[in-house]
Amino acid sequence: MGNGSPVTAACNMPSSTDYVFVGESGLDLTRAGVRAGTDIAWWMGGVTENLPDARYTVIDSSHFFVDPDIFSGKIGAWYTLQQKRQVFDILEPSLRLEISESGLNYDESWIKKGNFVSFTIHTSMAEMAQRSGCPGTPITIEMKGPDGTIYTTLGLTGSAPFNLVDIPVYYTPYDTGVVWETKRDEYPEGEYSFRAIATANSLSENYPMIGMTTTEWQTITLSTTDPKKRVEETLEPTPEPTPESIVEITTPPATVPTTIPTTMRTARPTVQVTRTELARPPGADVPKTPPSSASQPAPPATPEPVASPLSWSMLGLSAGLSLAWFLRRIL
């Protein structure tokens, strides 16, 4: 839907006092008094006595393109650079689509099958209707059905089909009135998607900005019952699990005992050797007394004890046992 459509063909010739929109192409500026090679300029705030904040040379005045790279953000009146004569007034486009059910605010996700539906279009491009011979800016509502069907018209019993292509919007917000009778057989239950696009002078092609020349897709379910309630009835409540009792076992930290190595020394056995004096013969220990000149009688000698045979036997047995124990420890 470019300049060849009946609506847009009459809307591409703005006068010097009309609004033009960023992204429009194929504009004929001859009605605005602009010729090829004309220098146009823009002053921020409209004060033309100072140097311009932007300027542009029109190459083709009969196929003028309001290039977003050049004109976006430079809103307001543009003038000829030399004569300071206004040639057009630039606006940014805006676009928003609302869907209403039976004249009430609709549920964002559900339309009850059998109800009536209308559309409301909000757009700054309704100003295009001020151009001579333009019935309004053409806005197309794109509609897709659940089976992939593309709808270009909507049926209403007792009325002619409503055309969704190039709706001439001449004021804002624009209300289509009731145009969709959902009970008809050609509208099966399921999901439907909608969006609006500005088709005037290739706006949505040259400047494809959501909220400006196009809207986001909206998806709505057409159904005899609310899909959300149907899902809630289908789902069974899940019982809450019984929390298990948790027994906390605290293990004391392991204590590493401090071991002090102890070296044990084994005492060696001490062998005590007992010296046993053997009995001497009588008179062996009596010292010899040198002869004396004195004639005194010698003292009587003390008799030595004589060892009995039993004493010798015990002595020998004790010595043998001691020697045997000693040799056993050594070996």
Protein backbone atom coordinates (compact mmCIF):
# COMPACT_ATOMS: atom_id res chain seq x y z
CA MET A 1 0.00 0.00 0.00
CA GLY A 2 2.31 2.73 -1.23
CA ASN A 3 1.54 5.80 -3.24
CA GLY A 4 -0.57 3.82 -5.71
CA SER A 5 -3.50 3.31 -3.31
CA PRO A 6 -6.44 5.73 -3.75
CA VAL A 7 -6.06 7.09 -0.23
CA THR A 8 -2.30 7.73 -0.26
CA ALA A 9 -2.32 9.16 -3.78
CA ALA A 10 -4.36 12.09 -2.49
CA CYS A 11 -2.25 12.54 0.64
CA ASN A 12 1.23 13.14 -0.74
CA MET A 13 0.91 16.86 -1.56
CA PRO A 14 1.34 18.94 1.60
CA SER A 15 1.10 22.70 1.52
CA SER A 16 3.56 24.99 3.28
CA THR A 17 1.38 25.02 6.42
CA ASP A 18 0.72 21.29 6.59
CA TYR A 19 2.46 18.73 8.76
CA VAL A 20 4.74 16.15 7.22
CA PHE A 21 6.03 13.11 9.12
CA VAL A 22 9.49 11.66 9.54
CA GLY A 23 9.70 8.62 7.25
CA GLU A 24 7.30 9.77 4.49
CA SER A 25 8.54 9.37 0.94
CA GLY A 26 7.22 10.39 -2.49
CA LEU A 27 6.02 13.79 -1.30
CA ASP A 28 5.30 16.45 -3.92
CA LEU A 29 6.46 19.83 -2.54
CA THR A 30 5.42 21.92 -5.51
CA ARG A 31 2.30 23.03 -3.66
CA ALA A 32 4.59 24.26 -0.88
CA GLY A 33 6.57 26.35 -3.36
CA VAL A 34 9.73 24.23 -3.27
CA ARG A 35 11.75 23.60 -6.43
CA ALA A 36 14.67 21.29 -7.10
CA GLY A 37 17.88 22.76 -5.70
CA THR A 38 16.11 24.81 -3.01
CA ASP A 39 18.05 25.07 0.26
CA ILE A 40 15.83 24.60 3.31
CA ALA A 41 16.85 25.17 6.92
CA TRP A 42 15.71 24.56 10.48
CA TRP A 43 16.20 26.81 13.46
CA MET A 44 15.75 25.39 16.92
CA GLY A 45 12.99 27.42 18.55
CA GLY A 46 12.04 28.98 15.19
CA VAL A 47 14.30 32.05 15.56
CA THR A 48 15.47 32.57 11.98
CA GLU A 49 17.76 35.55 12.65
CA ASN A 50 20.62 33.33 13.80
CA LEU A 51 22.55 30.73 11.88
CA PRO A 52 20.40 27.63 11.21
CA ASP A 53 20.84 24.52 13.34
CA ALA A 54 20.31 22.28 10.29
CA ARG A 55 20.05 22.73 6.52
CA TYR A 56 19.29 20.54 3.50
CA THR A 57 19.23 20.91 -0.27
CA VAL A 58 16.14 19.49 -1.97
CA ILE A 59 17.25 17.40 -4.95
CA ASP A 60 13.84 16.23 -6.23
CA SER A 61 10.91 18.33 -5.05
CA SER A 62 8.29 16.03 -6.59
CA HIS A 63 9.58 12.88 -4.83
CA PHE A 64 10.79 14.22 -1.52
CA PHE A 65 11.87 11.82 1.24
CA VAL A 66 11.71 12.93 4.87
CA ASP A 67 14.78 10.84 5.68
CA PRO A 68 14.91 9.79 9.37
CA ASP A 69 18.71 10.04 9.30
CA ILE A 70 18.44 13.74 8.46
CA PHE A 71 15.13 14.96 9.87
CA SER A 72 14.49 12.83 12.97
CA GLY A 73 14.50 15.03 16.08
CA LYS A 74 14.33 18.26 14.05
CA ILE A 75 10.70 18.91 14.82
CA GLY A 76 8.90 22.10 13.85
CA ALA A 77 8.84 24.48 10.92
CA TRP A 78 11.38 24.36 8.08
CA TYR A 79 12.04 27.45 5.95
CA THR A 80 13.81 28.36 2.74
CA LEU A 81 17.33 29.37 3.67
CA GLN A 82 17.35 32.64 1.71
CA GLN A 83 13.82 34.01 1.92
CA LYS A 84 13.03 32.47 5.37
CA ARG A 85 9.68 31.29 4.00
CA GLN A 86 8.06 28.24 5.64
CA VAL A 87 7.86 25.14 3.42
CA PHE A 88 6.40 22.55 5.85
CA ASP A 89 6.11 21.57 9.53
CA ILE A 90 7.67 18.27 10.66
CA LEU A 91 6.18 15.90 13.27
CA GLU A 92 7.26 12.49 14.56
CA PRO A 93 4.66 9.77 13.82
CA SER A 94 2.93 7.85 16.64
CA LEU A 95 0.56 4.88 16.57
CA ARG A 96 -1.34 2.75 19.12
CA LEU A 97 -4.16 0.17 18.76
CA GLU A 98 -6.85 -0.78 21.29
CA ILE A 99 -9.36 -3.63 21.04
CA SER A 100 -12.72 -3.28 22.82
CA GLU A 101 -15.28 -6.02 23.47
CA SER A 102 -19.01 -5.17 23.40
CA GLY A 103 -18.17 -1.51 24.09
CA LEU A 104 -16.37 -2.39 27.33
CA ASN A 105 -12.71 -2.56 28.15
CA TYR A 106 -11.73 -6.02 27.04
CA ASP A 107 -9.75 -8.64 28.89
CA GLU A 108 -6.23 -8.40 27.54
CA SER A 109 -6.09 -12.11 26.76
CA TRP A 110 -9.69 -13.24 26.11
CA ILE A 111 -12.73 -12.35 24.00
CA LYS A 112 -15.92 -14.33 24.63
CA LYS A 113 -17.19 -15.88 21.42
CA GLY A 114 -20.53 -14.30 20.50
CA ASN A 115 -19.65 -10.78 21.63
CA PHE A 116 -19.05 -7.76 19.38
CA VAL A 117 -15.67 -6.10 18.95
CA SER A 118 -14.49 -2.61 17.92
CA PHE A 119 -11.07 -1.00 17.43
CA THR A 120 -9.64 2.35 18.53
CA ILE A 121 -6.64 3.93 16.77
CA HIS A 122 -4.49 6.60 18.41
CA THR A 123 -2.12 8.44 16.04
CA SER A 124 -0.50 11.82 15.48
CA MET A 125 -0.75 11.11 11.73
CA ALA A 126 -4.44 12.01 11.77
CA GLU A 127 -3.10 15.51 10.96
CA MET A 128 -2.55 14.25 7.42
CA ALA A 129 -6.29 14.78 6.86
CA GLN A 130 -5.55 18.55 6.77
CA ARG A 131 -3.86 18.14 3.39
CA SER A 132 -6.10 19.12 0.51
CA GLY A 133 -7.97 16.10 -0.89
CA CYS A 134 -6.69 13.67 1.83
CA PRO A 135 -9.54 11.89 3.67
CA GLY A 136 -7.22 10.85 6.47
CA THR A 137 -4.05 8.92 7.09
CA PRO A 138 -4.44 5.30 5.93
CA ILE A 139 -3.94 2.79 8.79
CA THR A 140 -4.17 -0.97 8.20
CA ILE A 141 -5.14 -3.46 10.94
CA GLU A 142 -3.46 -6.80 10.32
CA MET A 143 -5.38 -9.79 11.73
CA LYS A 144 -4.31 -13.46 11.83
CA GLY A 145 -6.61 -16.35 12.83
CA PRO A 146 -5.81 -19.55 14.74
CA ASP A 147 -5.46 -21.61 11.56
CA GLY A 148 -3.14 -19.06 9.90
CA THR A 149 -5.94 -17.27 8.04
CA ILE A 150 -5.22 -13.61 7.19
CA TYR A 151 -8.36 -11.48 7.58
CA THR A 152 -8.67 -8.30 5.50
CA THR A 153 -12.37 -7.76 6.22
CA LEU A 154 -14.67 -8.44 9.20
CA GLY A 155 -18.28 -9.57 9.06
CA LEU A 156 -21.24 -7.99 10.79
CA THR A 157 -24.74 -9.33 10.24
CA GLY A 158 -26.90 -6.79 8.39
CA SER A 159 -23.93 -4.61 7.36
CA ALA A 160 -21.36 -4.63 4.61
CA PRO A 161 -17.99 -6.18 5.51
CA PHE A 162 -15.63 -3.79 7.24
CA ASN A 163 -12.34 -3.29 5.37
CA LEU A 164 -9.27 -3.54 7.62
CA VAL A 165 -6.90 -2.22 4.91
CA ASP A 166 -6.17 1.53 4.61
CA ILE A 167 -8.70 2.75 7.16
CA PRO A 168 -8.82 6.56 6.67
CA VAL A 169 -8.11 7.95 10.14
CA TYR A 170 -8.96 11.67 10.20
CA TYR A 171 -9.13 12.30 13.96
CA THR A 172 -7.63 10.80 17.08
CA PRO A 173 -8.51 8.65 18.88
CA TYR A 174 -10.39 7.09 15.99
CA ASP A 175 -13.13 4.57 16.87
CA THR A 176 -14.22 2.11 14.19
CA GLY A 177 -17.42 1.23 16.05
CA VAL A 178 -18.61 -2.39 16.21
CA VAL A 179 -17.14 -4.14 13.18
CA TRP A 180 -16.55 -7.76 14.30
CA GLU A 181 -19.35 -10.19 15.18
CA THR A 182 -17.44 -13.07 16.74
CA LYS A 183 -20.32 -15.61 16.79
CA ARG A 184 -20.11 -16.14 13.02
CA ASP A 185 -18.82 -19.48 11.76
CA GLU A 186 -15.87 -18.00 9.91
CA TYR A 187 -14.27 -17.12 13.27
CA PRO A 188 -13.29 -20.40 15.01
CA GLU A 189 -12.22 -20.46 18.61
CA GLY A 190 -8.51 -20.03 19.21
CA GLU A 191 -5.79 -17.38 19.27
CA TYR A 192 -6.01 -14.26 17.10
CA SER A 193 -3.18 -11.76 16.56
CA PHE A 194 -3.54 -8.06 15.73
CA ARG A 195 -1.32 -5.09 14.93
CA ALA A 196 -1.69 -1.71 13.18
CA ILE A 197 0.67 -0.22 10.58
CA ALA A 198 0.82 3.18 8.89
CA THR A 199 0.75 2.62 5.13
CA ALA A 200 0.69 6.27 4.02
CA ASN A 201 3.63 7.18 1.77
CA SER A 202 5.56 4.01 2.79
CA LEU A 203 5.92 5.18 6.39
CA SER A 204 6.09 1.71 8.00
CA GLU A 205 8.64 0.59 5.41
CA ASN A 206 10.92 3.62 5.65
CA TYR A 207 10.65 4.08 9.43
CA PRO A 208 9.64 0.73 11.00
CA MET A 209 9.48 1.87 14.61
CA ILE A 210 7.11 0.23 17.12
CA GLY A 211 4.86 2.86 18.67
CA MET A 212 5.54 5.24 15.78
CA THR A 213 4.59 3.68 12.42
CA THR A 214 3.63 0.21 13.69
CA THR A 215 2.37 -1.46 16.86
CA GLU A 216 3.37 -4.64 18.64
CA TRP A 217 1.39 -7.80 17.93
CA GLN A 218 -1.42 -8.44 20.42
CA THR A 219 -2.62 -12.02 20.92
CA ILE A 220 -6.17 -12.66 22.16
CA THR A 221 -8.03 -15.96 22.62
CA LEU A 222 -11.56 -16.21 21.22
CA SER A 223 -13.41 -18.76 23.37
CA THR A 224 -16.84 -19.48 24.86
CA THR A 225 -15.26 -19.76 28.33
CA ASP A 226 -12.43 -17.92 30.02
CA PRO A 227 -9.26 -19.93 29.24
CA LYS A 228 -7.76 -19.02 32.60
CA LYS A 229 -10.73 -20.44 34.53
CA ARG A 230 -10.72 -23.55 32.37
CA VAL A 231 -7.10 -24.15 33.25
CA GLU A 232 -7.80 -23.56 36.94
CA GLU A 233 -10.66 -26.11 36.91
CA THR A 234 -8.52 -28.68 35.12
CA LEU A 235 -5.64 -28.45 37.49
CA GLU A 236 -6.10 -30.45 40.70
CA PRO A 237 -4.64 -29.03 43.85
CA THR A 238 -1.39 -30.66 44.73
CA PRO A 239 -1.28 -31.80 48.37
CA GLU A 240 1.39 -30.21 50.40
CA PRO A 241 4.06 -32.70 51.39
CA THR A 242 4.28 -33.54 55.09
CA PRO A 243 7.53 -32.26 56.38
CA GLU A 244 9.75 -35.00 57.69
CA SER A 245 11.08 -34.69 61.19
CA ILE A 246 14.72 -34.04 61.07
CA VAL A 247 16.89 -35.40 63.85
CA GLU A 248 20.02 -33.43 64.10
CA ILE A 249 22.97 -35.48 65.25
CA THR A 250 25.86 -33.46 66.47
CA THR A 251 29.17 -35.23 66.34
CA PRO A 252 31.74 -33.74 68.70
CA PRO A 253 34.96 -32.81 66.97
CA ALA A 254 37.55 -35.52 67.11
CA THR A 255 40.26 -34.88 69.66
CA VAL A 256 43.69 -36.00 68.71
CA PRO A 257 45.39 -37.13 71.89
CA THR A 258 48.78 -35.76 72.52
CA THR A 259 51.10 -38.72 72.91
CA ILE A 260 54.38 -38.23 74.60
CA PRO A 261 56.68 -41.04 73.56
CA THR A 262 58.19 -42.76 76.60
CA THR A 263 61.31 -44.82 76.34
CA MET A 264 61.38 -47.60 78.85
CA ARG A 265 64.72 -48.90 79.78
CA THR A 266 64.93 -52.47 80.97
CA ALA A 267 67.25 -52.73 83.86
CA ARG A 268 69.82 -55.33 83.40
CA PRO A 269 69.97 -57.85 86.18
CA THR A 270 72.70 -57.25 88.63
CA VAL A 271 74.59 -60.35 89.50
CA GLN A 272 75.89 -60.17 92.95
CA VAL A 273 78.75 -62.47 93.55
CA THR A 274 79.07 -63.44 97.15
CA ARG A 275 82.49 -64.31 98.22
CA THR A 276 82.47 -67.14 100.68
CA GLU A 277 85.39 -67.56 102.89
CA LEU A 278 86.50 -71.11 103.20
CA ALA A 279 87.40 -72.40 106.60
CA ARG A 280 91.02 -72.53 107.23
CA PRO A 281 92.84 -75.17 109.19
CA PRO A 282 93.31 -74.45 112.84
CA GLY A 283 96.08 -72.11 113.59
CA ALA A 284 96.46 -70.80 110.02
CA ASP A 285 95.48 -67.26 110.92
CA VAL A 286 97.41 -67.05 114.12
CA PRO A 287 100.21 -64.62 113.56
CA LYS A 288 103.60 -65.80 114.37
CA THR A 289 104.90 -64.06 117.45
CA PRO A 290 108.51 -63.35 117.42
CA PRO A 291 110.29 -64.66 120.36
CA SER A 292 110.44 -62.29 123.22
CA SER A 293 113.08 -61.79 125.67
CA ALA A 294 110.46 -61.63 128.32
CA SER A 295 109.54 -64.82 129.73
CA GLN A 296 105.84 -64.35 129.76
CA PRO A 297 103.38 -67.00 128.97
CA ALA A 298 101.60 -66.76 125.60
CA PRO A 299 97.86 -66.01 125.59
CA PRO A 300 95.62 -68.88 124.84
CA ALA A 301 94.68 -69.24 121.20
CA THR A 302 91.02 -68.68 120.09
CA PRO A 303 89.72 -71.70 118.31
CA GLU A 304 88.49 -71.09 114.65
CA PRO A 305 85.00 -72.17 113.76
CA VAL A 306 84.93 -75.28 111.68
CA ALA A 307 82.51 -75.40 108.73
CA SER A 308 80.13 -78.23 108.79
CA PRO A 309 79.52 -80.42 105.72
CA LEU A 310 75.94 -79.00 105.40
CA SER A 311 77.23 -75.42 105.12
CA TRP A 312 79.46 -76.37 102.25
CA SER A 313 76.65 -78.03 100.42
CA MET A 314 74.33 -75.01 100.71
CA LEU A 315 77.06 -72.69 99.62
CA GLY A 316 77.74 -74.69 96.53
CA LEU A 317 74.05 -74.93 95.63
CA SER A 318 73.56 -71.17 96.01
CA ALA A 319 76.56 -70.39 93.86
CA GLY A 320 75.36 -72.79 91.16
CA LEU A 321 71.89 -71.29 91.00
CA SER A 322 73.24 -67.76 90.80
CA LEU A 323 75.60 -68.70 87.99
CA ALA A 324 72.85 -70.51 86.07
CA TRP A 325 70.45 -67.49 86.29
CA PHE A 326 73.17 -65.14 85.18
CA LEU A 327 74.08 -67.28 82.17
CA ARG A 328 70.40 -67.56 81.19
CA ARG A 329 69.91 -63.79 81.18
CA ILE A 330 73.01 -63.28 79.14
CA LEU A 331 72.25 -65.94 76.58
